[in-house]
Amino acid sequence: MDFEKLAQKHKDAVYRQMVRACGNYDDAEDVLIQALLSAYKALPTLKDEGAFQAWLAIIGQRVCTRIKKREALRPVLSLSGFSPEDLEVPDTSADVEGAAETRNITECVKGAVSSLPEPMREVYELRELQGFKAEETAEKLGITVAAVKSRLHRAREHVRRQLDESVCGG
């Protein structure tokens, strides 16, 4: 697998997701860099190039969560005399069990998304996986914003139902 090619192709979409998850551009940029580094180190565990974006986003979410935990502890640490740098939140991205769980979840979600009818899948992929706004999605697909919202709602229900019914979901 060509890591550089995959990273170039998917980093913008994951960055947009990280902006929403982290709440600001600076943290999102830091998270993306850390996620790319972790993904590079763990690339041999990735079996399917098609899952790279979702995989990178999951790694980014974990990094963002660690940053938020560290920030939440900042006031307590300042009272205790520690600095946030003294607190090392363990990196669980290398955890073998976590990696297996991530692969299983990724496969389940991919299966649920691939079972969507094409019009719903297009909207779902653009909005949920690539982070496009409703207006951008509508323009790209040549449909109304109302149609985007309706298809996205139905697609989410379908994916949720598929995950609930599958062995993966339970």
C-alpha atoms as a PDB file:
ATOM      1  CA  MET A   1       0.000   0.000   0.000  1.00  0.00           C
ATOM      2  CA  ASP A   2       1.237   3.463  -0.866  1.00  0.00           C
ATOM      3  CA  PHE A   3       0.772   5.377   2.394  1.00  0.00           C
ATOM      4  CA  GLU A   4       1.642   8.756   0.895  1.00  0.00           C
ATOM      5  CA  LYS A   5      -0.943   8.365  -1.877  1.00  0.00           C
ATOM      6  CA  LEU A   6      -3.644   7.258   0.584  1.00  0.00           C
ATOM      7  CA  ALA A   7      -2.817  10.084   3.002  1.00  0.00           C
ATOM      8  CA  GLN A   8      -2.942  12.699   0.226  1.00  0.00           C
ATOM      9  CA  LYS A   9      -6.272  11.375  -1.002  1.00  0.00           C
ATOM     10  CA  HIS A  10      -8.025  11.282   2.384  1.00  0.00           C
ATOM     11  CA  LYS A  11      -6.366  13.821   4.681  1.00  0.00           C
ATOM     12  CA  ASP A  12      -8.637  16.748   3.753  1.00  0.00           C
ATOM     13  CA  ALA A  13     -11.834  14.815   4.461  1.00  0.00           C
ATOM     14  CA  VAL A  14     -10.468  13.513   7.773  1.00  0.00           C
ATOM     15  CA  TYR A  15      -9.278  17.014   8.665  1.00  0.00           C
ATOM     16  CA  ARG A  16     -12.843  18.329   8.206  1.00  0.00           C
ATOM     17  CA  GLN A  17     -14.098  15.566  10.497  1.00  0.00           C
ATOM     18  CA  MET A  18     -11.461  16.427  13.086  1.00  0.00           C
ATOM     19  CA  VAL A  19     -12.422  20.115  13.014  1.00  0.00           C
ATOM     20  CA  ARG A  20     -15.942  19.101  13.984  1.00  0.00           C
ATOM     21  CA  ALA A  21     -14.762  16.556  16.557  1.00  0.00           C
ATOM     22  CA  CYS A  22     -12.113  18.733  18.203  1.00  0.00           C
ATOM     23  CA  GLY A  23     -13.954  22.025  17.926  1.00  0.00           C
ATOM     24  CA  ASN A  24     -11.147  24.122  16.461  1.00  0.00           C
ATOM     25  CA  TYR A  25      -8.731  24.220  13.558  1.00  0.00           C
ATOM     26  CA  ASP A  26      -5.495  24.135  15.567  1.00  0.00           C
ATOM     27  CA  ASP A  27      -6.380  20.987  17.505  1.00  0.00           C
ATOM     28  CA  ALA A  28      -7.722  19.371  14.334  1.00  0.00           C
ATOM     29  CA  GLU A  29      -4.423  20.004  12.570  1.00  0.00           C
ATOM     30  CA  ASP A  30      -2.448  18.536  15.486  1.00  0.00           C
ATOM     31  CA  VAL A  31      -4.794  15.554  15.652  1.00  0.00           C
ATOM     32  CA  LEU A  32      -4.486  14.902  11.916  1.00  0.00           C
ATOM     33  CA  ILE A  33      -0.681  14.926  12.126  1.00  0.00           C
ATOM     34  CA  GLN A  34      -0.684  12.548  15.101  1.00  0.00           C
ATOM     35  CA  ALA A  35      -3.277  10.307  13.442  1.00  0.00           C
ATOM     36  CA  LEU A  36      -1.241  10.141  10.229  1.00  0.00           C
ATOM     37  CA  LEU A  37       1.858   9.210  12.203  1.00  0.00           C
ATOM     38  CA  SER A  38      -0.010   6.484  14.100  1.00  0.00           C
ATOM     39  CA  ALA A  39      -1.573   5.226  10.873  1.00  0.00           C
ATOM     40  CA  TYR A  40       1.830   5.076   9.196  1.00  0.00           C
ATOM     41  CA  LYS A  41       3.214   2.996  12.064  1.00  0.00           C
ATOM     42  CA  ALA A  42       0.210   0.654  12.012  1.00  0.00           C
ATOM     43  CA  LEU A  43      -0.213   0.465   8.213  1.00  0.00           C
ATOM     44  CA  PRO A  44       0.634  -3.266   8.066  1.00  0.00           C
ATOM     45  CA  THR A  45      -2.517  -3.987  10.111  1.00  0.00           C
ATOM     46  CA  LEU A  46      -4.760  -2.356   7.480  1.00  0.00           C
ATOM     47  CA  LYS A  47      -6.095  -5.050   5.184  1.00  0.00           C
ATOM     48  CA  ASP A  48      -8.193  -2.949   2.787  1.00  0.00           C
ATOM     49  CA  GLU A  49      -7.154   0.341   1.199  1.00  0.00           C
ATOM     50  CA  GLY A  50     -10.834   1.237   0.859  1.00  0.00           C
ATOM     51  CA  ALA A  51     -11.118   1.432   4.641  1.00  0.00           C
ATOM     52  CA  PHE A  52      -8.199   3.874   5.015  1.00  0.00           C
ATOM     53  CA  GLN A  53     -10.289   7.023   5.458  1.00  0.00           C
ATOM     54  CA  ALA A  54     -12.575   5.493   8.084  1.00  0.00           C
ATOM     55  CA  TRP A  55      -9.580   3.930   9.810  1.00  0.00           C
ATOM     56  CA  LEU A  56      -7.693   7.233   9.865  1.00  0.00           C
ATOM     57  CA  ALA A  57     -10.802   9.007  11.183  1.00  0.00           C
ATOM     58  CA  ILE A  58     -11.122   6.491  14.036  1.00  0.00           C
ATOM     59  CA  ILE A  59      -7.468   7.000  14.951  1.00  0.00           C
ATOM     60  CA  GLY A  60      -8.041  10.770  14.808  1.00  0.00           C
ATOM     61  CA  GLN A  61     -11.091  10.496  17.055  1.00  0.00           C
ATOM     62  CA  ARG A  62      -9.000   8.642  19.643  1.00  0.00           C
ATOM     63  CA  VAL A  63      -6.258  11.264  19.506  1.00  0.00           C
ATOM     64  CA  CYS A  64      -8.864  14.034  19.820  1.00  0.00           C
ATOM     65  CA  THR A  65     -10.397  12.284  22.836  1.00  0.00           C
ATOM     66  CA  ARG A  66      -6.981  12.079  24.521  1.00  0.00           C
ATOM     67  CA  ILE A  67      -6.425  15.796  23.901  1.00  0.00           C
ATOM     68  CA  LYS A  68      -9.840  16.645  25.330  1.00  0.00           C
ATOM     69  CA  LYS A  69      -9.175  14.506  28.421  1.00  0.00           C
ATOM     70  CA  ARG A  70      -5.847  16.229  28.936  1.00  0.00           C
ATOM     71  CA  GLU A  71      -7.493  19.666  28.545  1.00  0.00           C
ATOM     72  CA  ALA A  72     -10.278  18.715  30.957  1.00  0.00           C
ATOM     73  CA  LEU A  73      -7.677  17.803  33.566  1.00  0.00           C
ATOM     74  CA  ARG A  74      -5.731  21.051  33.119  1.00  0.00           C
ATOM     75  CA  PRO A  75      -7.519  22.953  35.966  1.00  0.00           C
ATOM     76  CA  VAL A  76      -7.097  20.056  38.395  1.00  0.00           C
ATOM     77  CA  LEU A  77      -3.451  19.640  37.464  1.00  0.00           C
ATOM     78  CA  SER A  78      -2.709  23.321  37.902  1.00  0.00           C
ATOM     79  CA  LEU A  79      -4.105  23.145  41.441  1.00  0.00           C
ATOM     80  CA  SER A  80      -1.999  20.103  42.224  1.00  0.00           C
ATOM     81  CA  GLY A  81       1.220  21.602  40.896  1.00  0.00           C
ATOM     82  CA  PHE A  82       1.512  19.335  37.865  1.00  0.00           C
ATOM     83  CA  SER A  83       1.638  20.625  34.332  1.00  0.00           C
ATOM     84  CA  PRO A  84      -0.424  19.024  31.552  1.00  0.00           C
ATOM     85  CA  GLU A  85       2.835  17.798  30.021  1.00  0.00           C
ATOM     86  CA  ASP A  86       3.453  15.760  33.203  1.00  0.00           C
ATOM     87  CA  LEU A  87       0.306  13.794  32.450  1.00  0.00           C
ATOM     88  CA  GLU A  88       0.810  11.195  29.786  1.00  0.00           C
ATOM     89  CA  VAL A  89      -2.449   9.763  28.525  1.00  0.00           C
ATOM     90  CA  PRO A  90      -1.591   6.314  27.156  1.00  0.00           C
ATOM     91  CA  ASP A  91      -1.808   5.800  23.422  1.00  0.00           C
ATOM     92  CA  THR A  92      -4.112   2.844  22.847  1.00  0.00           C
ATOM     93  CA  SER A  93      -3.857   2.901  19.045  1.00  0.00           C
ATOM     94  CA  ALA A  94      -1.227   0.154  19.137  1.00  0.00           C
ATOM     95  CA  ASP A  95      -3.409  -2.045  21.321  1.00  0.00           C
ATOM     96  CA  VAL A  96      -3.830  -5.329  19.425  1.00  0.00           C
ATOM     97  CA  GLU A  97      -7.297  -5.985  20.795  1.00  0.00           C
ATOM     98  CA  GLY A  98      -8.359  -2.436  19.939  1.00  0.00           C
ATOM     99  CA  ALA A  99      -6.983  -2.832  16.423  1.00  0.00           C
ATOM    100  CA  ALA A 100      -8.963  -6.049  15.939  1.00  0.00           C
ATOM    101  CA  GLU A 101     -12.096  -4.368  17.270  1.00  0.00           C
ATOM    102  CA  THR A 102     -11.551  -1.418  14.952  1.00  0.00           C
ATOM    103  CA  ARG A 103     -11.166  -3.735  11.953  1.00  0.00           C
ATOM    104  CA  ASN A 104     -14.353  -5.585  12.924  1.00  0.00           C
ATOM    105  CA  ILE A 105     -16.313  -2.359  13.334  1.00  0.00           C
ATOM    106  CA  THR A 106     -14.939  -0.996  10.068  1.00  0.00           C
ATOM    107  CA  GLU A 107     -15.984  -4.140   8.201  1.00  0.00           C
ATOM    108  CA  CYS A 108     -19.471  -4.034   9.740  1.00  0.00           C
ATOM    109  CA  VAL A 109     -19.958  -0.382   8.846  1.00  0.00           C
ATOM    110  CA  LYS A 110     -18.622  -0.930   5.325  1.00  0.00           C
ATOM    111  CA  GLY A 111     -21.088  -3.776   4.883  1.00  0.00           C
ATOM    112  CA  ALA A 112     -23.986  -1.669   6.148  1.00  0.00           C
ATOM    113  CA  VAL A 113     -23.032   1.272   3.923  1.00  0.00           C
ATOM    114  CA  SER A 114     -22.566  -0.922   0.865  1.00  0.00           C
ATOM    115  CA  SER A 115     -26.080  -2.316   1.373  1.00  0.00           C
ATOM    116  CA  LEU A 116     -27.568   1.169   0.931  1.00  0.00           C
ATOM    117  CA  PRO A 117     -29.408   1.915  -2.313  1.00  0.00           C
ATOM    118  CA  GLU A 118     -27.162   4.048  -4.565  1.00  0.00           C
ATOM    119  CA  PRO A 119     -28.936   7.436  -4.084  1.00  0.00           C
ATOM    120  CA  MET A 120     -28.767   7.113  -0.291  1.00  0.00           C
ATOM    121  CA  ARG A 121     -25.203   5.755  -0.359  1.00  0.00           C
ATOM    122  CA  GLU A 122     -23.957   8.748  -2.374  1.00  0.00           C
ATOM    123  CA  VAL A 123     -25.438  11.195   0.137  1.00  0.00           C
ATOM    124  CA  TYR A 124     -24.275   9.154   3.133  1.00  0.00           C
ATOM    125  CA  GLU A 125     -20.701   8.908   1.865  1.00  0.00           C
ATOM    126  CA  LEU A 126     -20.455  12.615   1.042  1.00  0.00           C
ATOM    127  CA  ARG A 127     -22.008  13.822   4.307  1.00  0.00           C
ATOM    128  CA  GLU A 128     -20.876  11.248   6.867  1.00  0.00           C
ATOM    129  CA  LEU A 129     -17.604   9.944   5.481  1.00  0.00           C
ATOM    130  CA  GLN A 130     -16.234  12.907   3.561  1.00  0.00           C
ATOM    131  CA  GLY A 131     -17.665  15.654   5.753  1.00  0.00           C
ATOM    132  CA  PHE A 132     -19.392  17.727   3.067  1.00  0.00           C
ATOM    133  CA  LYS A 133     -22.124  20.152   4.128  1.00  0.00           C
ATOM    134  CA  ALA A 134     -25.699  19.622   2.957  1.00  0.00           C
ATOM    135  CA  GLU A 135     -25.456  22.462   0.442  1.00  0.00           C
ATOM    136  CA  GLU A 136     -22.203  21.120  -1.009  1.00  0.00           C
ATOM    137  CA  THR A 137     -23.668  17.633  -1.273  1.00  0.00           C
ATOM    138  CA  ALA A 138     -26.814  18.916  -2.974  1.00  0.00           C
ATOM    139  CA  GLU A 139     -24.772  20.866  -5.501  1.00  0.00           C
ATOM    140  CA  LYS A 140     -22.422  17.964  -6.182  1.00  0.00           C
ATOM    141  CA  LEU A 141     -25.302  15.520  -6.751  1.00  0.00           C
ATOM    142  CA  GLY A 142     -27.627  17.970  -8.505  1.00  0.00           C
ATOM    143  CA  ILE A 143     -30.447  17.567  -5.979  1.00  0.00           C
ATOM    144  CA  THR A 144     -32.116  19.834  -3.423  1.00  0.00           C
ATOM    145  CA  VAL A 145     -30.935  20.290   0.153  1.00  0.00           C
ATOM    146  CA  ALA A 146     -34.265  18.849   1.296  1.00  0.00           C
ATOM    147  CA  ALA A 147     -33.580  15.708  -0.759  1.00  0.00           C
ATOM    148  CA  VAL A 148     -30.100  15.461   0.784  1.00  0.00           C
ATOM    149  CA  LYS A 149     -31.549  15.691   4.289  1.00  0.00           C
ATOM    150  CA  SER A 150     -34.251  13.142   3.536  1.00  0.00           C
ATOM    151  CA  ARG A 151     -31.837  10.653   1.949  1.00  0.00           C
ATOM    152  CA  LEU A 152     -29.323  11.119   4.758  1.00  0.00           C
ATOM    153  CA  HIS A 153     -32.008  10.508   7.389  1.00  0.00           C
ATOM    154  CA  ARG A 154     -33.171   7.328   5.622  1.00  0.00           C
ATOM    155  CA  ALA A 155     -29.565   6.204   5.077  1.00  0.00           C
ATOM    156  CA  ARG A 156     -28.705   6.651   8.763  1.00  0.00           C
ATOM    157  CA  GLU A 157     -31.777   4.646   9.759  1.00  0.00           C
ATOM    158  CA  HIS A 158     -30.843   1.922   7.283  1.00  0.00           C
ATOM    159  CA  VAL A 159     -27.231   1.730   8.495  1.00  0.00           C
ATOM    160  CA  ARG A 160     -28.332   1.729  12.127  1.00  0.00           C
ATOM    161  CA  ARG A 161     -30.850  -1.032  11.428  1.00  0.00           C
ATOM    162  CA  GLN A 162     -28.257  -3.082   9.517  1.00  0.00           C
ATOM    163  CA  LEU A 163     -25.762  -2.764  12.355  1.00  0.00           C
ATOM    164  CA  ASP A 164     -28.391  -3.666  14.946  1.00  0.00           C
ATOM    165  CA  GLU A 165     -29.440  -6.756  12.982  1.00  0.00           C
ATOM    166  CA  SER A 166     -25.947  -7.954  12.147  1.00  0.00           C
ATOM    167  CA  VAL A 167     -23.712 -10.077  14.286  1.00  0.00           C
ATOM    168  CA  CYS A 168     -21.332  -7.106  14.326  1.00  0.00           C
ATOM    169  CA  GLY A 169     -23.802  -4.912  16.168  1.00  0.00           C
ATOM    170  CA  GLY A 170     -24.441  -7.320  18.986  1.00  0.00           C
END
